[in-house]
């Protein structure tokens, strides 16, 4: 079972970290399961970590960031939502998303 993190802790991470990656899922969502597998592959290839949350426990985040569906991948830079991904497509697509997101060029 995944360890749950509070919405307050998530907000704190978003505000304090230069780049923060939040994977939002629902337990009964098969697309979420497949999406997280692809995300795991890319995170190992690109050597980054991310935080996963079950949206059933974070209604306030759904409202704050207007999350439309699961899976949702929210990418934050300097405390601001930089990008949101709802269709993961494939590993190559996610790899390209993270090439851009993780680049140090601003």
PDB file of N, CA and C in Angstrom:
ATOM      1  N   UNK A   1       0.834  -1.183   0.000  1.00  0.00           N
ATOM      2  CA  UNK A   1       0.000   0.000   0.000  1.00  0.00           C
ATOM      3  C   UNK A   1       0.882   1.252   0.000  1.00  0.00           C
ATOM      4  N   UNK A   2       0.464   2.233  -0.763  1.00  0.00           N
ATOM      5  CA  UNK A   2       1.219   3.473  -0.848  1.00  0.00           C
ATOM      6  C   UNK A   2       0.974   4.318   0.398  1.00  0.00           C
ATOM      7  N   UNK A   3       2.025   4.999   0.822  1.00  0.00           N
ATOM      8  CA  UNK A   3       1.899   5.898   1.962  1.00  0.00           C
ATOM      9  C   UNK A   3       1.243   7.187   1.485  1.00  0.00           C
ATOM     10  N   UNK A   4       0.230   7.629   2.205  1.00  0.00           N
ATOM     11  CA  UNK A   4      -0.463   8.851   1.828  1.00  0.00           C
ATOM     12  C   UNK A   4       0.223  10.066   2.435  1.00  0.00           C
ATOM     13  N   UNK A   5       0.245  11.129   1.694  1.00  0.00           N
ATOM     14  CA  UNK A   5       0.827  12.396   2.116  1.00  0.00           C
ATOM     15  C   UNK A   5      -0.322  13.402   2.219  1.00  0.00           C
ATOM     16  N   UNK A   6      -0.260  14.295   3.178  1.00  0.00           N
ATOM     17  CA  UNK A   6      -1.346  15.248   3.368  1.00  0.00           C
ATOM     18  C   UNK A   6      -1.302  16.341   2.298  1.00  0.00           C
ATOM     19  N   UNK A   7      -2.446  16.955   2.061  1.00  0.00           N
ATOM     20  CA  UNK A   7      -2.517  18.058   1.103  1.00  0.00           C
ATOM     21  C   UNK A   7      -1.623  19.210   1.551  1.00  0.00           C
ATOM     22  N   UNK A   8      -1.543  19.440   2.848  1.00  0.00           N
ATOM     23  CA  UNK A   8      -0.682  20.502   3.379  1.00  0.00           C
ATOM     24  C   UNK A   8       0.786  20.218   3.072  1.00  0.00           C
ATOM     25  N   UNK A   9       1.205  18.959   3.231  1.00  0.00           N
ATOM     26  CA  UNK A   9       2.581  18.574   2.901  1.00  0.00           C
ATOM     27  C   UNK A   9       2.853  18.732   1.404  1.00  0.00           C
ATOM     28  N   UNK A  10       1.887  18.379   0.588  1.00  0.00           N
ATOM     29  CA  UNK A  10       2.043  18.518  -0.863  1.00  0.00           C
ATOM     30  C   UNK A  10       2.224  19.992  -1.217  1.00  0.00           C
ATOM     31  N   UNK A  11       1.379  20.832  -0.674  1.00  0.00           N
ATOM     32  CA  UNK A  11       1.474  22.273  -0.924  1.00  0.00           C
ATOM     33  C   UNK A  11       2.824  22.809  -0.475  1.00  0.00           C
ATOM     34  N   UNK A  12       3.308  22.335   0.645  1.00  0.00           N
ATOM     35  CA  UNK A  12       4.618  22.747   1.157  1.00  0.00           C
ATOM     36  C   UNK A  12       5.724  22.357   0.179  1.00  0.00           C
ATOM     37  N   UNK A  13       5.663  21.133  -0.350  1.00  0.00           N
ATOM     38  CA  UNK A  13       6.657  20.677  -1.336  1.00  0.00           C
ATOM     39  C   UNK A  13       6.587  21.520  -2.610  1.00  0.00           C
ATOM     40  N   UNK A  14       5.377  21.793  -3.063  1.00  0.00           N
ATOM     41  CA  UNK A  14       5.199  22.588  -4.283  1.00  0.00           C
ATOM     42  C   UNK A  14       5.865  23.950  -4.111  1.00  0.00           C
ATOM     43  N   UNK A  15       5.668  24.561  -2.955  1.00  0.00           N
ATOM     44  CA  UNK A  15       6.195  25.909  -2.705  1.00  0.00           C
ATOM     45  C   UNK A  15       7.694  25.923  -2.441  1.00  0.00           C
ATOM     46  N   UNK A  16       8.223  24.856  -1.868  1.00  0.00           N
ATOM     47  CA  UNK A  16       9.624  24.889  -1.438  1.00  0.00           C
ATOM     48  C   UNK A  16      10.614  24.290  -2.442  1.00  0.00           C
ATOM     49  N   UNK A  17      10.135  23.474  -3.361  1.00  0.00           N
ATOM     50  CA  UNK A  17      11.046  22.810  -4.295  1.00  0.00           C
ATOM     51  C   UNK A  17      11.067  23.538  -5.639  1.00  0.00           C
ATOM     52  N   UNK A  18      12.249  23.577  -6.245  1.00  0.00           N
ATOM     53  CA  UNK A  18      12.402  24.219  -7.549  1.00  0.00           C
ATOM     54  C   UNK A  18      11.514  23.530  -8.585  1.00  0.00           C
ATOM     55  N   UNK A  19      11.534  22.203  -8.580  1.00  0.00           N
ATOM     56  CA  UNK A  19      10.693  21.414  -9.479  1.00  0.00           C
ATOM     57  C   UNK A  19      10.041  20.302  -8.670  1.00  0.00           C
ATOM     58  N   UNK A  20       8.739  20.141  -8.855  1.00  0.00           N
ATOM     59  CA  UNK A  20       7.988  19.130  -8.108  1.00  0.00           C
ATOM     60  C   UNK A  20       7.040  18.427  -9.065  1.00  0.00           C
ATOM     61  N   UNK A  21       7.037  17.096  -9.002  1.00  0.00           N
ATOM     62  CA  UNK A  21       6.226  16.271  -9.898  1.00  0.00           C
ATOM     63  C   UNK A  21       5.190  15.541  -9.073  1.00  0.00           C
ATOM     64  N   UNK A  22       3.916  15.719  -9.435  1.00  0.00           N
ATOM     65  CA  UNK A  22       2.816  15.111  -8.694  1.00  0.00           C
ATOM     66  C   UNK A  22       1.996  14.232  -9.633  1.00  0.00           C
ATOM     67  N   UNK A  23       1.964  12.930  -9.325  1.00  0.00           N
ATOM     68  CA  UNK A  23       1.166  11.978 -10.088  1.00  0.00           C
ATOM     69  C   UNK A  23      -0.118  11.725  -9.311  1.00  0.00           C
ATOM     70  N   UNK A  24      -1.249  12.017  -9.930  1.00  0.00           N
ATOM     71  CA  UNK A  24      -2.557  11.881  -9.289  1.00  0.00           C
ATOM     72  C   UNK A  24      -3.298  10.702  -9.920  1.00  0.00           C
ATOM     73  N   UNK A  25      -3.800   9.820  -9.069  1.00  0.00           N
ATOM     74  CA  UNK A  25      -4.450   8.612  -9.572  1.00  0.00           C
ATOM     75  C   UNK A  25      -5.698   8.294  -8.763  1.00  0.00           C
ATOM     76  N   UNK A  26      -6.439   7.328  -9.254  1.00  0.00           N
ATOM     77  CA  UNK A  26      -7.560   6.732  -8.535  1.00  0.00           C
ATOM     78  C   UNK A  26      -7.308   5.227  -8.525  1.00  0.00           C
ATOM     79  N   UNK A  27      -7.533   4.565  -7.399  1.00  0.00           N
ATOM     80  CA  UNK A  27      -7.172   3.145  -7.269  1.00  0.00           C
ATOM     81  C   UNK A  27      -7.824   2.208  -8.293  1.00  0.00           C
ATOM     82  N   UNK A  28      -9.026   2.487  -8.701  1.00  0.00           N
ATOM     83  CA  UNK A  28      -9.727   1.575  -9.612  1.00  0.00           C
ATOM     84  C   UNK A  28      -9.520   1.944 -11.087  1.00  0.00           C
ATOM     85  N   UNK A  29      -8.649   2.889 -11.357  1.00  0.00           N
ATOM     86  CA  UNK A  29      -8.408   3.389 -12.715  1.00  0.00           C
ATOM     87  C   UNK A  29      -7.298   2.577 -13.380  1.00  0.00           C
ATOM     88  N   UNK A  30      -7.647   1.828 -14.403  1.00  0.00           N
ATOM     89  CA  UNK A  30      -6.647   1.018 -15.106  1.00  0.00           C
ATOM     90  C   UNK A  30      -5.676   1.891 -15.894  1.00  0.00           C
ATOM     91  N   UNK A  31      -6.158   3.005 -16.453  1.00  0.00           N
ATOM     92  CA  UNK A  31      -5.249   3.918 -17.147  1.00  0.00           C
ATOM     93  C   UNK A  31      -4.211   4.483 -16.192  1.00  0.00           C
ATOM     94  N   UNK A  32      -4.598   4.670 -14.932  1.00  0.00           N
ATOM     95  CA  UNK A  32      -3.658   5.158 -13.916  1.00  0.00           C
ATOM     96  C   UNK A  32      -2.559   4.131 -13.667  1.00  0.00           C
ATOM     97  N   UNK A  33      -2.933   2.873 -13.608  1.00  0.00           N
ATOM     98  CA  UNK A  33      -1.963   1.798 -13.381  1.00  0.00           C
ATOM     99  C   UNK A  33      -0.950   1.743 -14.525  1.00  0.00           C
ATOM    100  N   UNK A  34      -1.451   1.790 -15.741  1.00  0.00           N
ATOM    101  CA  UNK A  34      -0.570   1.771 -16.918  1.00  0.00           C
ATOM    102  C   UNK A  34       0.279   3.042 -16.958  1.00  0.00           C
ATOM    103  N   UNK A  35      -0.342   4.187 -16.678  1.00  0.00           N
ATOM    104  CA  UNK A  35       0.385   5.451 -16.681  1.00  0.00           C
ATOM    105  C   UNK A  35       1.510   5.472 -15.662  1.00  0.00           C
ATOM    106  N   UNK A  36       1.257   4.925 -14.486  1.00  0.00           N
ATOM    107  CA  UNK A  36       2.306   4.919 -13.468  1.00  0.00           C
ATOM    108  C   UNK A  36       3.438   3.972 -13.850  1.00  0.00           C
ATOM    109  N   UNK A  37       3.125   2.887 -14.523  1.00  0.00           N
ATOM    110  CA  UNK A  37       4.198   2.002 -15.011  1.00  0.00           C
ATOM    111  C   UNK A  37       5.103   2.745 -15.979  1.00  0.00           C
ATOM    112  N   UNK A  38       4.484   3.490 -16.896  1.00  0.00           N
ATOM    113  CA  UNK A  38       5.278   4.268 -17.851  1.00  0.00           C
ATOM    114  C   UNK A  38       6.078   5.348 -17.125  1.00  0.00           C
ATOM    115  N   UNK A  39       5.456   6.006 -16.158  1.00  0.00           N
ATOM    116  CA  UNK A  39       6.141   7.045 -15.386  1.00  0.00           C
ATOM    117  C   UNK A  39       7.325   6.464 -14.617  1.00  0.00           C
ATOM    118  N   UNK A  40       7.171   5.272 -14.071  1.00  0.00           N
ATOM    119  CA  UNK A  40       8.274   4.610 -13.361  1.00  0.00           C
ATOM    120  C   UNK A  40       9.455   4.344 -14.300  1.00  0.00           C
ATOM    121  N   UNK A  41       9.165   3.898 -15.500  1.00  0.00           N
ATOM    122  CA  UNK A  41      10.228   3.635 -16.475  1.00  0.00           C
ATOM    123  C   UNK A  41      10.984   4.926 -16.791  1.00  0.00           C
ATOM    124  N   UNK A  42      10.239   5.995 -17.054  1.00  0.00           N
ATOM    125  CA  UNK A  42      10.866   7.270 -17.399  1.00  0.00           C
ATOM    126  C   UNK A  42      11.630   7.835 -16.202  1.00  0.00           C
ATOM    127  N   UNK A  43      11.083   7.698 -14.997  1.00  0.00           N
ATOM    128  CA  UNK A  43      11.779   8.230 -13.818  1.00  0.00           C
ATOM    129  C   UNK A  43      13.090   7.495 -13.574  1.00  0.00           C
ATOM    130  N   UNK A  44      13.140   6.215 -13.883  1.00  0.00           N
ATOM    131  CA  UNK A  44      14.392   5.468 -13.755  1.00  0.00           C
ATOM    132  C   UNK A  44      15.389   5.885 -14.845  1.00  0.00           C
ATOM    133  N   UNK A  45      14.886   6.085 -16.056  1.00  0.00           N
ATOM    134  CA  UNK A  45      15.755   6.507 -17.164  1.00  0.00           C
ATOM    135  C   UNK A  45      16.330   7.899 -16.928  1.00  0.00           C
ATOM    136  N   UNK A  46      15.506   8.800 -16.430  1.00  0.00           N
ATOM    137  CA  UNK A  46      15.891  10.207 -16.281  1.00  0.00           C
ATOM    138  C   UNK A  46      16.375  10.542 -14.869  1.00  0.00           C
ATOM    139  N   UNK A  47      16.280   9.586 -13.967  1.00  0.00           N
ATOM    140  CA  UNK A  47      16.740   9.736 -12.586  1.00  0.00           C
ATOM    141  C   UNK A  47      16.075  10.908 -11.862  1.00  0.00           C
ATOM    142  N   UNK A  48      14.744  10.833 -11.741  1.00  0.00           N
ATOM    143  CA  UNK A  48      14.006  11.814 -10.949  1.00  0.00           C
ATOM    144  C   UNK A  48      12.992  11.060 -10.089  1.00  0.00           C
ATOM    145  N   UNK A  49      12.493  11.741  -9.084  1.00  0.00           N
ATOM    146  CA  UNK A  49      11.462  11.149  -8.235  1.00  0.00           C
ATOM    147  C   UNK A  49      10.186  11.971  -8.367  1.00  0.00           C
ATOM    148  N   UNK A  50       9.104  11.377  -7.955  1.00  0.00           N
ATOM    149  CA  UNK A  50       7.810  12.050  -8.006  1.00  0.00           C
ATOM    150  C   UNK A  50       6.977  11.607  -6.819  1.00  0.00           C
ATOM    151  N   UNK A  51       5.926  12.335  -6.555  1.00  0.00           N
ATOM    152  CA  UNK A  51       5.006  12.015  -5.468  1.00  0.00           C
ATOM    153  C   UNK A  51       3.700  11.541  -6.077  1.00  0.00           C
ATOM    154  N   UNK A  52       3.160  10.430  -5.548  1.00  0.00           N
ATOM    155  CA  UNK A  52       1.876   9.897  -6.003  1.00  0.00           C
ATOM    156  C   UNK A  52       0.815  10.154  -4.943  1.00  0.00           C
ATOM    157  N   UNK A  53      -0.373  10.554  -5.401  1.00  0.00           N
ATOM    158  CA  UNK A  53      -1.482  10.719  -4.456  1.00  0.00           C
ATOM    159  C   UNK A  53      -2.759  10.113  -5.025  1.00  0.00           C
ATOM    160  N   UNK A  54      -3.528   9.526  -4.140  1.00  0.00           N
ATOM    161  CA  UNK A  54      -4.865   9.035  -4.452  1.00  0.00           C
ATOM    162  C   UNK A  54      -5.795  10.243  -4.348  1.00  0.00           C
ATOM    163  N   UNK A  55      -6.349  10.659  -5.460  1.00  0.00           N
ATOM    164  CA  UNK A  55      -7.185  11.861  -5.464  1.00  0.00           C
ATOM    165  C   UNK A  55      -8.440  11.738  -4.618  1.00  0.00           C
ATOM    166  N   UNK A  56      -8.835  10.533  -4.265  1.00  0.00           N
ATOM    167  CA  UNK A  56      -9.995  10.371  -3.395  1.00  0.00           C
ATOM    168  C   UNK A  56      -9.796  11.047  -2.043  1.00  0.00           C
ATOM    169  N   UNK A  57      -8.545  11.281  -1.659  1.00  0.00           N
ATOM    170  CA  UNK A  57      -8.237  11.893  -0.369  1.00  0.00           C
ATOM    171  C   UNK A  57      -7.785  13.344  -0.494  1.00  0.00           C
ATOM    172  N   UNK A  58      -7.894  13.913  -1.676  1.00  0.00           N
ATOM    173  CA  UNK A  58      -7.376  15.269  -1.890  1.00  0.00           C
ATOM    174  C   UNK A  58      -8.344  16.115  -2.713  1.00  0.00           C
ATOM    175  N   UNK A  59      -9.567  16.204  -2.258  1.00  0.00           N
ATOM    176  CA  UNK A  59     -10.589  16.992  -2.970  1.00  0.00           C
ATOM    177  C   UNK A  59     -10.176  18.459  -3.083  1.00  0.00           C
ATOM    178  N   UNK A  60      -9.479  18.977  -2.064  1.00  0.00           N
ATOM    179  CA  UNK A  60      -9.045  20.372  -2.101  1.00  0.00           C
ATOM    180  C   UNK A  60      -8.055  20.621  -3.237  1.00  0.00           C
ATOM    181  N   UNK A  61      -7.170  19.652  -3.503  1.00  0.00           N
ATOM    182  CA  UNK A  61      -6.223  19.797  -4.609  1.00  0.00           C
ATOM    183  C   UNK A  61      -6.927  19.711  -5.955  1.00  0.00           C
ATOM    184  N   UNK A  62      -7.960  18.873  -6.034  1.00  0.00           N
ATOM    185  CA  UNK A  62      -8.757  18.776  -7.265  1.00  0.00           C
ATOM    186  C   UNK A  62      -9.339  20.141  -7.598  1.00  0.00           C
ATOM    187  N   UNK A  63      -9.881  20.798  -6.581  1.00  0.00           N
ATOM    188  CA  UNK A  63     -10.476  22.117  -6.794  1.00  0.00           C
ATOM    189  C   UNK A  63      -9.415  23.176  -7.072  1.00  0.00           C
ATOM    190  N   UNK A  64      -8.340  23.176  -6.304  1.00  0.00           N
ATOM    191  CA  UNK A  64      -7.301  24.199  -6.444  1.00  0.00           C
ATOM    192  C   UNK A  64      -6.665  24.181  -7.825  1.00  0.00           C
ATOM    193  N   UNK A  65      -6.389  22.985  -8.338  1.00  0.00           N
ATOM    194  CA  UNK A  65      -5.699  22.870  -9.624  1.00  0.00           C
ATOM    195  C   UNK A  65      -6.625  22.453 -10.760  1.00  0.00           C
ATOM    196  N   UNK A  66      -7.924  22.409 -10.465  1.00  0.00           N
ATOM    197  CA  UNK A  66      -8.941  22.076 -11.470  1.00  0.00           C
ATOM    198  C   UNK A  66      -8.593  20.797 -12.217  1.00  0.00           C
ATOM    199  N   UNK A  67      -8.267  19.763 -11.465  1.00  0.00           N
ATOM    200  CA  UNK A  67      -7.910  18.468 -12.054  1.00  0.00           C
ATOM    201  C   UNK A  67      -9.158  17.865 -12.680  1.00  0.00           C
ATOM    202  N   UNK A  68      -9.074  17.530 -13.968  1.00  0.00           N
ATOM    203  CA  UNK A  68     -10.226  17.110 -14.750  1.00  0.00           C
ATOM    204  C   UNK A  68     -10.443  15.608 -14.804  1.00  0.00           C
ATOM    205  N   UNK A  69      -9.367  14.835 -14.665  1.00  0.00           N
ATOM    206  CA  UNK A  69      -9.501  13.386 -14.768  1.00  0.00           C
ATOM    207  C   UNK A  69      -8.246  12.713 -14.219  1.00  0.00           C
ATOM    208  N   UNK A  70      -8.306  11.401 -14.162  1.00  0.00           N
ATOM    209  CA  UNK A  70      -7.125  10.624 -13.771  1.00  0.00           C
ATOM    210  C   UNK A  70      -6.781   9.702 -14.927  1.00  0.00           C
ATOM    211  N   UNK A  71      -5.506   9.391 -15.078  1.00  0.00           N
ATOM    212  CA  UNK A  71      -4.384   9.912 -14.310  1.00  0.00           C
ATOM    213  C   UNK A  71      -4.097  11.358 -14.688  1.00  0.00           C
ATOM    214  N   UNK A  72      -3.514  12.071 -13.739  1.00  0.00           N
ATOM    215  CA  UNK A  72      -3.089  13.450 -13.976  1.00  0.00           C
ATOM    216  C   UNK A  72      -1.654  13.590 -13.491  1.00  0.00           C
ATOM    217  N   UNK A  73      -0.853  14.220 -14.290  1.00  0.00           N
ATOM    218  CA  UNK A  73       0.542  14.469 -13.940  1.00  0.00           C
ATOM    219  C   UNK A  73       0.710  15.983 -13.907  1.00  0.00           C
ATOM    220  N   UNK A  74       0.968  16.522 -12.709  1.00  0.00           N
ATOM    221  CA  UNK A  74       1.117  17.960 -12.530  1.00  0.00           C
ATOM    222  C   UNK A  74       2.582  18.273 -12.323  1.00  0.00           C
ATOM    223  N   UNK A  75       3.097  19.179 -13.129  1.00  0.00           N
ATOM    224  CA  UNK A  75       4.512  19.545 -13.091  1.00  0.00           C
ATOM    225  C   UNK A  75       4.628  20.991 -12.613  1.00  0.00           C
ATOM    226  N   UNK A  76       5.320  21.179 -11.507  1.00  0.00           N
ATOM    227  CA  UNK A  76       5.453  22.494 -10.891  1.00  0.00           C
ATOM    228  C   UNK A  76       6.885  22.984 -10.995  1.00  0.00           C
ATOM    229  N   UNK A  77       7.019  24.277 -11.288  1.00  0.00           N
ATOM    230  CA  UNK A  77       8.321  24.954 -11.269  1.00  0.00           C
ATOM    231  C   UNK A  77       8.188  26.183 -10.398  1.00  0.00           C
ATOM    232  N   UNK A  78       9.075  26.289  -9.417  1.00  0.00           N
ATOM    233  CA  UNK A  78       9.104  27.453  -8.525  1.00  0.00           C
ATOM    234  C   UNK A  78       7.729  27.763  -7.937  1.00  0.00           C
ATOM    235  N   UNK A  79       7.012  26.722  -7.525  1.00  0.00           N
ATOM    236  CA  UNK A  79       5.729  26.889  -6.861  1.00  0.00           C
ATOM    237  C   UNK A  79       4.541  27.116  -7.765  1.00  0.00           C
ATOM    238  N   UNK A  80       4.761  27.152  -9.074  1.00  0.00           N
ATOM    239  CA  UNK A  80       3.677  27.391 -10.034  1.00  0.00           C
ATOM    240  C   UNK A  80       3.462  26.159 -10.906  1.00  0.00           C
ATOM    241  N   UNK A  81       2.209  25.915 -11.238  1.00  0.00           N
ATOM    242  CA  UNK A  81       1.881  24.813 -12.142  1.00  0.00           C
ATOM    243  C   UNK A  81       2.407  25.155 -13.532  1.00  0.00           C
ATOM    244  N   UNK A  82       3.386  24.389 -13.995  1.00  0.00           N
ATOM    245  CA  UNK A  82       4.011  24.640 -15.290  1.00  0.00           C
ATOM    246  C   UNK A  82       3.345  23.848 -16.407  1.00  0.00           C
ATOM    247  N   UNK A  83       2.855  22.649 -16.082  1.00  0.00           N
ATOM    248  CA  UNK A  83       2.244  21.797 -17.101  1.00  0.00           C
ATOM    249  C   UNK A  83       1.378  20.758 -16.421  1.00  0.00           C
ATOM    250  N   UNK A  84       0.368  20.304 -17.126  1.00  0.00           N
ATOM    251  CA  UNK A  84      -0.471  19.214 -16.651  1.00  0.00           C
ATOM    252  C   UNK A  84      -0.692  18.256 -17.802  1.00  0.00           C
ATOM    253  N   UNK A  85      -0.485  16.975 -17.529  1.00  0.00           N
ATOM    254  CA  UNK A  85      -0.584  15.927 -18.539  1.00  0.00           C
ATOM    255  C   UNK A  85      -1.703  14.975 -18.124  1.00  0.00           C
ATOM    256  N   UNK A  86      -2.631  14.728 -19.032  1.00  0.00           N
ATOM    257  CA  UNK A  86      -3.718  13.788 -18.756  1.00  0.00           C
ATOM    258  C   UNK A  86      -3.624  12.547 -19.645  1.00  0.00           C
ATOM    259  N   UNK A  87      -3.057  12.694 -20.824  1.00  0.00           N
ATOM    260  CA  UNK A  87      -2.875  11.564 -21.733  1.00  0.00           C
ATOM    261  C   UNK A  87      -1.382  11.250 -21.786  1.00  0.00           C
ATOM    262  N   UNK A  88      -1.017  10.096 -21.270  1.00  0.00           N
ATOM    263  CA  UNK A  88       0.396   9.743 -21.170  1.00  0.00           C
ATOM    264  C   UNK A  88       0.949   9.172 -22.478  1.00  0.00           C
ATOM    265  N   UNK A  89       0.114   8.747 -23.363  1.00  0.00           N
ATOM    266  CA  UNK A  89       0.457   8.209 -24.683  1.00  0.00           C
ATOM    267  C   UNK A  89       1.396   7.003 -24.603  1.00  0.00           C
ATOM    268  N   UNK A  90       2.694   7.264 -24.418  1.00  0.00           N
ATOM    269  CA  UNK A  90       3.662   6.165 -24.347  1.00  0.00           C
ATOM    270  C   UNK A  90       4.927   6.663 -23.644  1.00  0.00           C
ATOM    271  N   UNK A  91       5.869   5.762 -23.441  1.00  0.00           N
ATOM    272  CA  UNK A  91       7.104   6.089 -22.727  1.00  0.00           C
ATOM    273  C   UNK A  91       7.898   7.161 -23.476  1.00  0.00           C
ATOM    274  N   UNK A  92       7.935   7.077 -24.791  1.00  0.00           N
ATOM    275  CA  UNK A  92       8.670   8.066 -25.586  1.00  0.00           C
ATOM    276  C   UNK A  92       8.090   9.464 -25.370  1.00  0.00           C
ATOM    277  N   UNK A  93       6.778   9.575 -25.393  1.00  0.00           N
ATOM    278  CA  UNK A  93       6.125  10.862 -25.174  1.00  0.00           C
ATOM    279  C   UNK A  93       6.476  11.405 -23.782  1.00  0.00           C
ATOM    280  N   UNK A  94       6.339  10.581 -22.760  1.00  0.00           N
ATOM    281  CA  UNK A  94       6.662  11.029 -21.398  1.00  0.00           C
ATOM    282  C   UNK A  94       8.127  11.414 -21.273  1.00  0.00           C
ATOM    283  N   UNK A  95       8.984  10.681 -21.932  1.00  0.00           N
ATOM    284  CA  UNK A  95      10.408  10.991 -21.909  1.00  0.00           C
ATOM    285  C   UNK A  95      10.661  12.383 -22.487  1.00  0.00           C
ATOM    286  N   UNK A  96       9.989  12.718 -23.560  1.00  0.00           N
ATOM    287  CA  UNK A  96      10.127  14.039 -24.170  1.00  0.00           C
ATOM    288  C   UNK A  96       9.577  15.128 -23.254  1.00  0.00           C
ATOM    289  N   UNK A  97       8.455  14.852 -22.593  1.00  0.00           N
ATOM    290  CA  UNK A  97       7.886  15.807 -21.640  1.00  0.00           C
ATOM    291  C   UNK A  97       8.906  16.121 -20.552  1.00  0.00           C
ATOM    292  N   UNK A  98       9.555  15.074 -20.030  1.00  0.00           N
ATOM    293  CA  UNK A  98      10.515  15.285 -18.940  1.00  0.00           C
ATOM    294  C   UNK A  98      11.840  15.848 -19.424  1.00  0.00           C
ATOM    295  N   UNK A  99      12.222  15.596 -20.662  1.00  0.00           N
ATOM    296  CA  UNK A  99      13.410  16.258 -21.215  1.00  0.00           C
ATOM    297  C   UNK A  99      13.217  17.766 -21.130  1.00  0.00           C
ATOM    298  N   UNK A 100      12.047  18.214 -21.526  1.00  0.00           N
ATOM    299  CA  UNK A 100      11.749  19.645 -21.495  1.00  0.00           C
ATOM    300  C   UNK A 100      11.605  20.163 -20.072  1.00  0.00           C
ATOM    301  N   UNK A 101      10.855  19.451 -19.242  1.00  0.00           N
ATOM    302  CA  UNK A 101      10.584  19.905 -17.873  1.00  0.00           C
ATOM    303  C   UNK A 101      11.847  19.943 -17.015  1.00  0.00           C
ATOM    304  N   UNK A 102      12.695  18.955 -17.160  1.00  0.00           N
ATOM    305  CA  UNK A 102      13.881  18.844 -16.298  1.00  0.00           C
ATOM    306  C   UNK A 102      15.068  19.649 -16.801  1.00  0.00           C
ATOM    307  N   UNK A 103      14.970  20.193 -17.999  1.00  0.00           N
ATOM    308  CA  UNK A 103      16.103  20.966 -18.520  1.00  0.00           C
ATOM    309  C   UNK A 103      16.346  22.173 -17.622  1.00  0.00           C
ATOM    310  N   UNK A 104      17.608  22.539 -17.492  1.00  0.00           N
ATOM    311  CA  UNK A 104      17.957  23.655 -16.614  1.00  0.00           C
ATOM    312  C   UNK A 104      17.804  24.999 -17.310  1.00  0.00           C
ATOM    313  N   UNK A 105      17.624  24.983 -18.611  1.00  0.00           N
ATOM    314  CA  UNK A 105      17.432  26.237 -19.358  1.00  0.00           C
ATOM    315  C   UNK A 105      16.057  26.793 -19.038  1.00  0.00           C
ATOM    316  N   UNK A 106      16.020  28.012 -18.641  1.00  0.00           N
ATOM    317  CA  UNK A 106      14.749  28.663 -18.304  1.00  0.00           C
ATOM    318  C   UNK A 106      14.502  29.797 -19.255  1.00  0.00           C
TER     319      UNK A 106
END
